PDB file of N, CA and C in Angstrom:
ATOM      1  N   MET A   1     -84.517-163.054 -90.825  1.00  0.00           N
ATOM      2  CA  MET A   1     -85.103-163.998 -91.757  1.00  0.00           C
ATOM      3  C   MET A   1     -84.437-163.873 -93.123  1.00  0.00           C
ATOM      4  N   LEU A   2     -84.010-162.652 -93.469  1.00  0.00           N
ATOM      5  CA  LEU A   2     -83.349-162.449 -94.752  1.00  0.00           C
ATOM      6  C   LEU A   2     -82.062-163.261 -94.836  1.00  0.00           C
ATOM      7  N   LEU A   3     -81.327-163.297 -93.748  1.00  0.00           N
ATOM      8  CA  LEU A   3     -80.079-164.060 -93.727  1.00  0.00           C
ATOM      9  C   LEU A   3     -80.336-165.552 -93.931  1.00  0.00           C
ATOM     10  N   ILE A   4     -81.409-166.051 -93.365  1.00  0.00           N
ATOM     11  CA  ILE A   4     -81.772-167.463 -93.545  1.00  0.00           C
ATOM     12  C   ILE A   4     -82.139-167.731 -94.995  1.00  0.00           C
ATOM     13  N   PHE A   5     -82.904-166.824 -95.602  1.00  0.00           N
ATOM     14  CA  PHE A   5     -83.257-166.974 -97.015  1.00  0.00           C
ATOM     15  C   PHE A   5     -82.004-166.982 -97.885  1.00  0.00           C
ATOM     16  N   GLN A   6     -81.074-166.092 -97.582  1.00  0.00           N
ATOM     17  CA  GLN A   6     -79.842-166.020 -98.365  1.00  0.00           C
ATOM     18  C   GLN A   6     -78.998-167.280 -98.196  1.00  0.00           C
ATOM     19  N   ALA A   7     -78.951-167.818 -96.976  1.00  0.00           N
ATOM     20  CA  ALA A   7     -78.192-169.052 -96.741  1.00  0.00           C
ATOM     21  C   ALA A   7     -78.821-170.225 -97.481  1.00  0.00           C
ATOM     22  N   LEU A   8     -80.144-170.324 -97.416  1.00  0.00           N
ATOM     23  CA  LEU A   8     -80.825-171.405 -98.135  1.00  0.00           C
ATOM     24  C   LEU A   8     -80.656-171.262 -99.646  1.00  0.00           C
ATOM     25  N   GLU A   9     -80.707-170.042-100.125  1.00  0.00           N
ATOM     26  CA  GLU A   9     -80.488-169.804-101.553  1.00  0.00           C
ATOM     27  C   GLU A   9     -79.094-170.270-101.963  1.00  0.00           C
ATOM     28  N   ALA A  10     -78.083-169.918-101.163  1.00  0.00           N
ATOM     29  CA  ALA A  10     -76.706-170.320-101.472  1.00  0.00           C
ATOM     30  C   ALA A  10     -76.568-171.838-101.475  1.00  0.00           C
ATOM     31  N   ILE A  11     -77.170-172.499-100.515  1.00  0.00           N
ATOM     32  CA  ILE A  11     -77.115-173.968-100.458  1.00  0.00           C
ATOM     33  C   ILE A  11     -77.781-174.573-101.688  1.00  0.00           C
ATOM     34  N   LEU A  12     -78.960-174.070-102.021  1.00  0.00           N
ATOM     35  CA  LEU A  12     -79.685-174.619-103.168  1.00  0.00           C
ATOM     36  C   LEU A  12     -78.926-174.387-104.473  1.00  0.00           C
ATOM     37  N   LEU A  13     -78.337-173.216-104.632  1.00  0.00           N
ATOM     38  CA  LEU A  13     -77.579-172.951-105.854  1.00  0.00           C
ATOM     39  C   LEU A  13     -76.330-173.823-105.946  1.00  0.00           C
ATOM     40  N   ARG A  14     -75.722-174.101-104.801  1.00  0.00           N
ATOM     41  CA  ARG A  14     -74.552-174.997-104.815  1.00  0.00           C
ATOM     42  C   ARG A  14     -74.936-176.429-105.154  1.00  0.00           C
ATOM     43  N   THR A  15     -76.098-176.878-104.668  1.00  0.00           N
ATOM     44  CA  THR A  15     -76.510-178.256-104.984  1.00  0.00           C
ATOM     45  C   THR A  15     -76.870-178.398-106.453  1.00  0.00           C
ATOM     46  N   VAL A  16     -77.226-177.306-107.101  1.00  0.00           N
ATOM     47  CA  VAL A  16     -77.520-177.354-108.537  1.00  0.00           C
ATOM     48  C   VAL A  16     -76.223-177.358-109.341  1.00  0.00           C
ATOM     49  N   SER A  17     -75.245-176.572-108.912  1.00  0.00           N
ATOM     50  CA  SER A  17     -74.040-176.411-109.720  1.00  0.00           C
ATOM     51  C   SER A  17     -72.988-177.465-109.420  1.00  0.00           C
ATOM     52  N   ASN A  18     -72.104-177.199-108.491  1.00  0.00           N
ATOM     53  CA  ASN A  18     -70.960-178.083-108.309  1.00  0.00           C
ATOM     54  C   ASN A  18     -71.121-179.129-107.206  1.00  0.00           C
ATOM     55  N   LEU A  19     -72.248-179.177-106.555  1.00  0.00           N
ATOM     56  CA  LEU A  19     -72.499-180.225-105.563  1.00  0.00           C
ATOM     57  C   LEU A  19     -73.705-181.061-105.995  1.00  0.00           C
ATOM     58  N   SER A  20     -73.720-181.435-107.272  1.00  0.00           N
ATOM     59  CA  SER A  20     -74.892-182.113-107.821  1.00  0.00           C
ATOM     60  C   SER A  20     -75.159-183.460-107.149  1.00  0.00           C
ATOM     61  N   HIS A  21     -74.150-184.050-106.509  1.00  0.00           N
ATOM     62  CA  HIS A  21     -74.381-185.309-105.806  1.00  0.00           C
ATOM     63  C   HIS A  21     -75.247-185.107-104.555  1.00  0.00           C
ATOM     64  N   PHE A  22     -75.489-183.854-104.177  1.00  0.00           N
ATOM     65  CA  PHE A  22     -76.391-183.545-103.070  1.00  0.00           C
ATOM     66  C   PHE A  22     -77.751-183.034-103.562  1.00  0.00           C
ATOM     67  N   SER A  23     -78.110-183.369-104.781  1.00  0.00           N
ATOM     68  CA  SER A  23     -79.369-182.863-105.343  1.00  0.00           C
ATOM     69  C   SER A  23     -80.577-183.328-104.541  1.00  0.00           C
ATOM     70  N   VAL A  24     -80.493-184.508-103.932  1.00  0.00           N
ATOM     71  CA  VAL A  24     -81.596-184.997-103.096  1.00  0.00           C
ATOM     72  C   VAL A  24     -81.776-184.095-101.883  1.00  0.00           C
ATOM     73  N   VAL A  25     -80.683-183.622-101.344  1.00  0.00           N
ATOM     74  CA  VAL A  25     -80.748-182.689-100.212  1.00  0.00           C
ATOM     75  C   VAL A  25     -81.437-181.403-100.643  1.00  0.00           C
ATOM     76  N   GLY A  26     -81.085-180.896-101.818  1.00  0.00           N
ATOM     77  CA  GLY A  26     -81.731-179.699-102.336  1.00  0.00           C
ATOM     78  C   GLY A  26     -83.228-179.888-102.519  1.00  0.00           C
ATOM     79  N   MET A  27     -83.616-181.023-103.056  1.00  0.00           N
ATOM     80  CA  MET A  27     -85.038-181.306-103.246  1.00  0.00           C
ATOM     81  C   MET A  27     -85.755-181.389-101.900  1.00  0.00           C
ATOM     82  N   ASN A  28     -85.113-181.991-100.906  1.00  0.00           N
ATOM     83  CA  ASN A  28     -85.727-182.079 -99.576  1.00  0.00           C
ATOM     84  C   ASN A  28     -85.895-180.707 -98.943  1.00  0.00           C
ATOM     85  N   ILE A  29     -84.928-179.817 -99.165  1.00  0.00           N
ATOM     86  CA  ILE A  29     -85.045-178.451 -98.655  1.00  0.00           C
ATOM     87  C   ILE A  29     -86.231-177.757 -99.309  1.00  0.00           C
ATOM     88  N   VAL A  30     -86.361-177.918-100.621  1.00  0.00           N
ATOM     89  CA  VAL A  30     -87.472-177.294-101.346  1.00  0.00           C
ATOM     90  C   VAL A  30     -88.806-177.818-100.824  1.00  0.00           C
ATOM     91  N   LYS A  31     -88.913-179.128-100.659  1.00  0.00           N
ATOM     92  CA  LYS A  31     -90.169-179.715-100.174  1.00  0.00           C
ATOM     93  C   LYS A  31     -90.498-179.235 -98.765  1.00  0.00           C
ATOM     94  N   LYS A  32     -89.496-179.155 -97.916  1.00  0.00           N
ATOM     95  CA  LYS A  32     -89.719-178.689 -96.546  1.00  0.00           C
ATOM     96  C   LYS A  32     -90.176-177.230 -96.539  1.00  0.00           C
ATOM     97  N   LEU A  33     -89.539-176.406 -97.361  1.00  0.00           N
ATOM     98  CA  LEU A  33     -89.944-175.005 -97.439  1.00  0.00           C
ATOM     99  C   LEU A  33     -91.377-174.871 -97.940  1.00  0.00           C
ATOM    100  N   ILE A  34     -91.725-175.632 -98.944  1.00  0.00           N
ATOM    101  CA  ILE A  34     -93.074-175.544 -99.517  1.00  0.00           C
ATOM    102  C   ILE A  34     -94.115-176.056 -98.535  1.00  0.00           C
ATOM    103  N   ASN A  35     -93.838-177.173 -97.901  1.00  0.00           N
ATOM    104  CA  ASN A  35     -94.838-177.799 -97.036  1.00  0.00           C
ATOM    105  C   ASN A  35     -94.950-177.171 -95.656  1.00  0.00           C
ATOM    106  N   SER A  36     -93.875-176.584 -95.147  1.00  0.00           N
ATOM    107  CA  SER A  36     -93.902-176.090 -93.769  1.00  0.00           C
ATOM    108  C   SER A  36     -93.772-174.576 -93.628  1.00  0.00           C
ATOM    109  N   TYR A  37     -93.169-173.923 -94.589  1.00  0.00           N
ATOM    110  CA  TYR A  37     -92.848-172.511 -94.406  1.00  0.00           C
ATOM    111  C   TYR A  37     -93.414-171.605 -95.486  1.00  0.00           C
ATOM    112  N   VAL A  38     -94.433-172.051 -96.178  1.00  0.00           N
ATOM    113  CA  VAL A  38     -94.988-171.242 -97.267  1.00  0.00           C
ATOM    114  C   VAL A  38     -95.597-169.942 -96.741  1.00  0.00           C
ATOM    115  N   LYS A  39     -96.158-169.941 -95.544  1.00  0.00           N
ATOM    116  CA  LYS A  39     -96.722-168.708 -94.989  1.00  0.00           C
ATOM    117  C   LYS A  39     -95.634-167.674 -94.725  1.00  0.00           C
ATOM    118  N   LEU A  40     -94.466-168.129 -94.259  1.00  0.00           N
ATOM    119  CA  LEU A  40     -93.343-167.207 -94.055  1.00  0.00           C
ATOM    120  C   LEU A  40     -92.828-166.670 -95.390  1.00  0.00           C
ATOM    121  N   ILE A  41     -92.827-167.513 -96.392  1.00  0.00           N
ATOM    122  CA  ILE A  41     -92.398-167.082 -97.722  1.00  0.00           C
ATOM    123  C   ILE A  41     -93.342-166.007 -98.245  1.00  0.00           C
ATOM    124  N   TYR A  42     -94.643-166.227 -98.095  1.00  0.00           N
ATOM    125  CA  TYR A  42     -95.616-165.214 -98.512  1.00  0.00           C
ATOM    126  C   TYR A  42     -95.426-163.921 -97.728  1.00  0.00           C
ATOM    127  N   ALA A  43     -95.240-164.028 -96.425  1.00  0.00           N
ATOM    128  CA  ALA A  43     -95.064-162.837 -95.596  1.00  0.00           C
ATOM    129  C   ALA A  43     -93.834-162.044 -96.035  1.00  0.00           C
ATOM    130  N   ALA A  44     -92.769-162.735 -96.337  1.00  0.00           N
ATOM    131  CA  ALA A  44     -91.552-162.054 -96.781  1.00  0.00           C
ATOM    132  C   ALA A  44     -91.722-161.473 -98.181  1.00  0.00           C
ATOM    133  N   LEU A  45     -92.392-162.203 -99.027  1.00  0.00           N
ATOM    134  CA  LEU A  45     -92.586-161.762-100.409  1.00  0.00           C
ATOM    135  C   LEU A  45     -93.408-160.485-100.477  1.00  0.00           C
ATOM    136  N   TYR A  46     -94.443-160.401 -99.664  1.00  0.00           N
ATOM    137  CA  TYR A  46     -95.334-159.258 -99.698  1.00  0.00           C
ATOM    138  C   TYR A  46     -94.982-158.218 -98.632  1.00  0.00           C
ATOM    139  N   SER A  47     -93.785-158.315 -98.085  1.00  0.00           N
ATOM    140  CA  SER A  47     -93.323-157.380 -97.079  1.00  0.00           C
ATOM    141  C   SER A  47     -93.144-155.984 -97.684  1.00  0.00           C
ATOM    142  N   GLU A  48     -93.221-154.975 -96.830  1.00  0.00           N
ATOM    143  CA  GLU A  48     -92.959-153.598 -97.270  1.00  0.00           C
ATOM    144  C   GLU A  48     -91.472-153.380 -97.532  1.00  0.00           C
ATOM    145  N   ASN A  49     -90.647-154.236 -96.958  1.00  0.00           N
ATOM    146  CA  ASN A  49     -89.199-154.136 -97.095  1.00  0.00           C
ATOM    147  C   ASN A  49     -88.774-154.717 -98.439  1.00  0.00           C
ATOM    148  N   CYS A  50     -88.225-153.890 -99.304  1.00  0.00           N
ATOM    149  CA  CYS A  50     -87.817-154.353-100.637  1.00  0.00           C
ATOM    150  C   CYS A  50     -86.722-155.414-100.569  1.00  0.00           C
ATOM    151  N   LYS A  51     -85.814-155.278 -99.613  1.00  0.00           N
ATOM    152  CA  LYS A  51     -84.742-156.282 -99.492  1.00  0.00           C
ATOM    153  C   LYS A  51     -85.309-157.647 -99.139  1.00  0.00           C
ATOM    154  N   MET A  52     -86.319-157.658 -98.300  1.00  0.00           N
ATOM    155  CA  MET A  52     -86.945-158.918 -97.905  1.00  0.00           C
ATOM    156  C   MET A  52     -87.663-159.547 -99.103  1.00  0.00           C
ATOM    157  N   SER A  53     -88.377-158.733 -99.842  1.00  0.00           N
ATOM    158  CA  SER A  53     -89.079-159.239-101.023  1.00  0.00           C
ATOM    159  C   SER A  53     -88.087-159.775-102.056  1.00  0.00           C
ATOM    160  N   ARG A  54     -87.016-159.042-102.278  1.00  0.00           N
ATOM    161  CA  ARG A  54     -85.995-159.468-103.239  1.00  0.00           C
ATOM    162  C   ARG A  54     -85.334-160.761-102.785  1.00  0.00           C
ATOM    163  N   GLY A  55     -85.039-160.866-101.480  1.00  0.00           N
ATOM    164  CA  GLY A  55     -84.447-162.095-100.955  1.00  0.00           C
ATOM    165  C   GLY A  55     -85.359-163.288-101.120  1.00  0.00           C
ATOM    166  N   CYS A  56     -86.636-163.056-100.935  1.00  0.00           N
ATOM    167  CA  CYS A  56     -87.617-164.123-101.110  1.00  0.00           C
ATOM    168  C   CYS A  56     -87.713-164.535-102.579  1.00  0.00           C
ATOM    169  N   LEU A  57     -87.696-163.567-103.480  1.00  0.00           N
ATOM    170  CA  LEU A  57     -87.748-163.869-104.909  1.00  0.00           C
ATOM    171  C   LEU A  57     -86.526-164.667-105.364  1.00  0.00           C
ATOM    172  N   THR A  58     -85.360-164.311-104.844  1.00  0.00           N
ATOM    173  CA  THR A  58     -84.164-165.062-105.231  1.00  0.00           C
ATOM    174  C   THR A  58     -84.182-166.468-104.634  1.00  0.00           C
ATOM    175  N   LEU A  59     -84.738-166.618-103.446  1.00  0.00           N
ATOM    176  CA  LEU A  59     -84.896-167.955-102.869  1.00  0.00           C
ATOM    177  C   LEU A  59     -85.840-168.789-103.720  1.00  0.00           C
ATOM    178  N   LEU A  60     -86.966-168.197-104.128  1.00  0.00           N
ATOM    179  CA  LEU A  60     -87.902-168.915-104.990  1.00  0.00           C
ATOM    180  C   LEU A  60     -87.233-169.313-106.309  1.00  0.00           C
ATOM    181  N   SER A  61     -86.401-168.444-106.844  1.00  0.00           N
ATOM    182  CA  SER A  61     -85.670-168.765-108.079  1.00  0.00           C
ATOM    183  C   SER A  61     -84.728-169.940-107.869  1.00  0.00           C
ATOM    184  N   ALA A  62     -84.037-169.950-106.735  1.00  0.00           N
ATOM    185  CA  ALA A  62     -83.131-171.059-106.436  1.00  0.00           C
ATOM    186  C   ALA A  62     -83.900-172.363-106.232  1.00  0.00           C
ATOM    187  N   MET A  63     -85.090-172.251-105.652  1.00  0.00           N
ATOM    188  CA  MET A  63     -85.922-173.445-105.460  1.00  0.00           C
ATOM    189  C   MET A  63     -86.331-174.031-106.805  1.00  0.00           C
ATOM    190  N   VAL A  64     -86.716-173.185-107.730  1.00  0.00           N
ATOM    191  CA  VAL A  64     -87.134-173.633-109.053  1.00  0.00           C
ATOM    192  C   VAL A  64     -85.946-174.176-109.844  1.00  0.00           C
ATOM    193  N   ALA A  65     -84.765-173.636-109.586  1.00  0.00           N
ATOM    194  CA  ALA A  65     -83.567-174.064-110.309  1.00  0.00           C
ATOM    195  C   ALA A  65     -83.142-175.485-109.965  1.00  0.00           C
ATOM    196  N   GLN A  66     -83.712-176.074-108.942  1.00  0.00           N
ATOM    197  CA  GLN A  66     -83.354-177.444-108.565  1.00  0.00           C
ATOM    198  C   GLN A  66     -83.707-178.452-109.644  1.00  0.00           C
ATOM    199  N   GLY A  67     -84.642-178.112-110.481  1.00  0.00           N
ATOM    200  CA  GLY A  67     -85.016-179.016-111.564  1.00  0.00           C
ATOM    201  C   GLY A  67     -86.509-178.982-111.823  1.00  0.00           C
ATOM    202  N   PRO A  68     -86.936-179.764-112.803  1.00  0.00           N
ATOM    203  CA  PRO A  68     -88.353-179.725-113.185  1.00  0.00           C
ATOM    204  C   PRO A  68     -89.305-180.178-112.083  1.00  0.00           C
ATOM    205  N   ASP A  69     -88.888-181.134-111.280  1.00  0.00           N
ATOM    206  CA  ASP A  69     -89.763-181.609-110.204  1.00  0.00           C
ATOM    207  C   ASP A  69     -89.986-180.529-109.145  1.00  0.00           C
ATOM    208  N   SER A  70     -88.915-179.854-108.759  1.00  0.00           N
ATOM    209  CA  SER A  70     -89.072-178.803-107.761  1.00  0.00           C
ATOM    210  C   SER A  70     -89.823-177.608-108.346  1.00  0.00           C
ATOM    211  N   ALA A  71     -89.591-177.304-109.619  1.00  0.00           N
ATOM    212  CA  ALA A  71     -90.330-176.216-110.264  1.00  0.00           C
ATOM    213  C   ALA A  71     -91.823-176.531-110.282  1.00  0.00           C
ATOM    214  N   ARG A  72     -92.148-177.774-110.565  1.00  0.00           N
ATOM    215  CA  ARG A  72     -93.546-178.197-110.571  1.00  0.00           C
ATOM    216  C   ARG A  72     -94.147-178.088-109.177  1.00  0.00           C
ATOM    217  N   ASP A  73     -93.383-178.485-108.150  1.00  0.00           N
ATOM    218  CA  ASP A  73     -93.861-178.391-106.773  1.00  0.00           C
ATOM    219  C   ASP A  73     -94.109-176.935-106.364  1.00  0.00           C
ATOM    220  N   VAL A  74     -93.164-176.067-106.694  1.00  0.00           N
ATOM    221  CA  VAL A  74     -93.314-174.656-106.334  1.00  0.00           C
ATOM    222  C   VAL A  74     -94.527-174.066-107.052  1.00  0.00           C
ATOM    223  N   CYS A  75     -94.660-174.343-108.338  1.00  0.00           N
ATOM    224  CA  CYS A  75     -95.802-173.793-109.099  1.00  0.00           C
ATOM    225  C   CYS A  75     -97.132-174.331-108.598  1.00  0.00           C
ATOM    226  N   SER A  76     -97.152-175.584-108.190  1.00  0.00           N
ATOM    227  CA  SER A  76     -98.427-176.152-107.744  1.00  0.00           C
ATOM    228  C   SER A  76     -98.826-175.659-106.351  1.00  0.00           C
ATOM    229  N   HIS A  77     -97.873-175.245-105.532  1.00  0.00           N
ATOM    230  CA  HIS A  77     -98.190-174.775-104.190  1.00  0.00           C
ATOM    231  C   HIS A  77     -98.267-173.253-104.075  1.00  0.00           C
ATOM    232  N   PHE A  78     -97.779-172.543-105.079  1.00  0.00           N
ATOM    233  CA  PHE A  78     -97.763-171.086-105.016  1.00  0.00           C
ATOM    234  C   PHE A  78     -99.121-170.546-105.442  1.00  0.00           C
ATOM    235  N   ASP A  79     -99.625-169.579-104.699  1.00  0.00           N
ATOM    236  CA  ASP A  79    -100.921-168.982-104.989  1.00  0.00           C
ATOM    237  C   ASP A  79    -100.739-167.784-105.923  1.00  0.00           C
ATOM    238  N   PHE A  80    -100.926-168.027-107.220  1.00  0.00           N
ATOM    239  CA  PHE A  80    -100.776-166.955-108.195  1.00  0.00           C
ATOM    240  C   PHE A  80    -101.985-166.026-108.228  1.00  0.00           C
ATOM    241  N   ASN A  81    -103.024-166.351-107.493  1.00  0.00           N
ATOM    242  CA  ASN A  81    -104.217-165.508-107.417  1.00  0.00           C
ATOM    243  C   ASN A  81    -104.216-164.601-106.191  1.00  0.00           C
ATOM    244  N   ASN A  82    -103.118-164.593-105.452  1.00  0.00           N
ATOM    245  CA  ASN A  82    -103.032-163.755-104.263  1.00  0.00           C
ATOM    246  C   ASN A  82    -103.200-162.285-104.640  1.00  0.00           C
ATOM    247  N   LYS A  83    -104.008-161.588-103.887  1.00  0.00           N
ATOM    248  CA  LYS A  83    -104.327-160.196-104.222  1.00  0.00           C
ATOM    249  C   LYS A  83    -103.139-159.253-104.062  1.00  0.00           C
ATOM    250  N   TYR A  84    -102.103-159.676-103.340  1.00  0.00           N
ATOM    251  CA  TYR A  84    -100.937-158.826-103.135  1.00  0.00           C
ATOM    252  C   TYR A  84     -99.858-159.030-104.196  1.00  0.00           C
ATOM    253  N   LEU A  85    -100.001-160.036-105.021  1.00  0.00           N
ATOM    254  CA  LEU A  85     -98.983-160.346-106.031  1.00  0.00           C
ATOM    255  C   LEU A  85     -98.766-159.191-107.014  1.00  0.00           C
ATOM    256  N   PRO A  86     -99.810-158.541-107.530  1.00  0.00           N
ATOM    257  CA  PRO A  86     -99.572-157.406-108.435  1.00  0.00           C
ATOM    258  C   PRO A  86     -98.814-156.252-107.776  1.00  0.00           C
ATOM    259  N   GLY A  87     -98.861-156.174-106.459  1.00  0.00           N
ATOM    260  CA  GLY A  87     -98.131-155.121-105.758  1.00  0.00           C
ATOM    261  C   GLY A  87     -96.626-155.244-105.911  1.00  0.00           C
ATOM    262  N   LEU A  88     -96.133-156.432-106.218  1.00  0.00           N
ATOM    263  CA  LEU A  88     -94.696-156.605-106.437  1.00  0.00           C
ATOM    264  C   LEU A  88     -94.223-155.826-107.660  1.00  0.00           C
ATOM    265  N   LEU A  89     -95.108-155.653-108.618  1.00  0.00           N
ATOM    266  CA  LEU A  89     -94.747-154.900-109.819  1.00  0.00           C
ATOM    267  C   LEU A  89     -94.515-153.431-109.516  1.00  0.00           C
ATOM    268  N   LYS A  90     -95.140-152.951-108.460  1.00  0.00           N
ATOM    269  CA  LYS A  90     -95.056-151.532-108.118  1.00  0.00           C
ATOM    270  C   LYS A  90     -93.908-151.229-107.169  1.00  0.00           C
ATOM    271  N   LYS A  91     -93.232-152.274-106.692  1.00  0.00           N
ATOM    272  CA  LYS A  91     -92.131-152.038-105.753  1.00  0.00           C
ATOM    273  C   LYS A  91     -90.977-151.365-106.468  1.00  0.00           C
ATOM    274  N   GLY A  92     -90.209-150.635-105.717  1.00  0.00           N
ATOM    275  CA  GLY A  92     -89.113-149.855-106.287  1.00  0.00           C
ATOM    276  C   GLY A  92     -87.813-150.620-106.398  1.00  0.00           C
ATOM    277  N   PHE A  93     -87.819-151.770-107.051  1.00  0.00           N
ATOM    278  CA  PHE A  93     -86.567-152.483-107.265  1.00  0.00           C
ATOM    279  C   PHE A  93     -85.738-151.725-108.284  1.00  0.00           C
ATOM    280  N   LYS A  94     -84.489-151.487-107.948  1.00  0.00           N
ATOM    281  CA  LYS A  94     -83.588-150.849-108.896  1.00  0.00           C
ATOM    282  C   LYS A  94     -83.107-151.898-109.878  1.00  0.00           C
ATOM    283  N   LYS A  95     -82.758-151.473-111.075  1.00  0.00           N
ATOM    284  CA  LYS A  95     -82.310-152.405-112.109  1.00  0.00           C
ATOM    285  C   LYS A  95     -81.090-153.192-111.626  1.00  0.00           C
ATOM    286  N   ALA A  96     -80.180-152.554-110.937  1.00  0.00           N
ATOM    287  CA  ALA A  96     -78.982-153.226-110.438  1.00  0.00           C
ATOM    288  C   ALA A  96     -79.344-154.288-109.407  1.00  0.00           C
ATOM    289  N   GLU A  97     -80.369-154.025-108.584  1.00  0.00           N
ATOM    290  CA  GLU A  97     -80.787-154.996-107.585  1.00  0.00           C
ATOM    291  C   GLU A  97     -81.371-156.233-108.245  1.00  0.00           C
ATOM    292  N   VAL A  98     -82.168-156.028-109.260  1.00  0.00           N
ATOM    293  CA  VAL A  98     -82.815-157.148-109.947  1.00  0.00           C
ATOM    294  C   VAL A  98     -81.769-158.005-110.651  1.00  0.00           C
ATOM    295  N   LEU A  99     -80.749-157.359-111.195  1.00  0.00           N
ATOM    296  CA  LEU A  99     -79.698-158.089-111.899  1.00  0.00           C
ATOM    297  C   LEU A  99     -78.684-158.698-110.951  1.00  0.00           C
ATOM    298  N   GLY A 100     -78.812-158.429-109.666  1.00  0.00           N
ATOM    299  CA  GLY A 100     -77.902-159.001-108.680  1.00  0.00           C
ATOM    300  C   GLY A 100     -76.610-158.221-108.529  1.00  0.00           C
ATOM    301  N   CYS A 101     -76.601-156.998-108.976  1.00  0.00           N
ATOM    302  CA  CYS A 101     -75.374-156.177-108.915  1.00  0.00           C
ATOM    303  C   CYS A 101     -75.296-155.339-107.657  1.00  0.00           C
ATOM    304  N   ALA A 102     -76.368-155.286-106.890  1.00  0.00           N
ATOM    305  CA  ALA A 102     -76.374-154.436-105.690  1.00  0.00           C
ATOM    306  C   ALA A 102     -76.105-155.233-104.452  1.00  0.00           C
TER     307      ALA A 102
END
């Protein structure tokens, strides 16, 4: 699942940067992920595996980077009251991992 998240992240980041003529495709990917796969995103985000959580966070970042409409969609569908969300603060992410250097 991590590989799929990484592939989707790469596609979304490319549609934002140098493939801007495919921005509609990026928005459709974001909508599909939000509407159909949000439970998998939550499962990966709150996983015990730090790599899985980090991959999910970077995917969410790429989803929000699509623009204000996708950011609004992600924020409106994301459950910020989830009881496991504060647990992400306690995970052992290394500084290099968070900065994308690992």
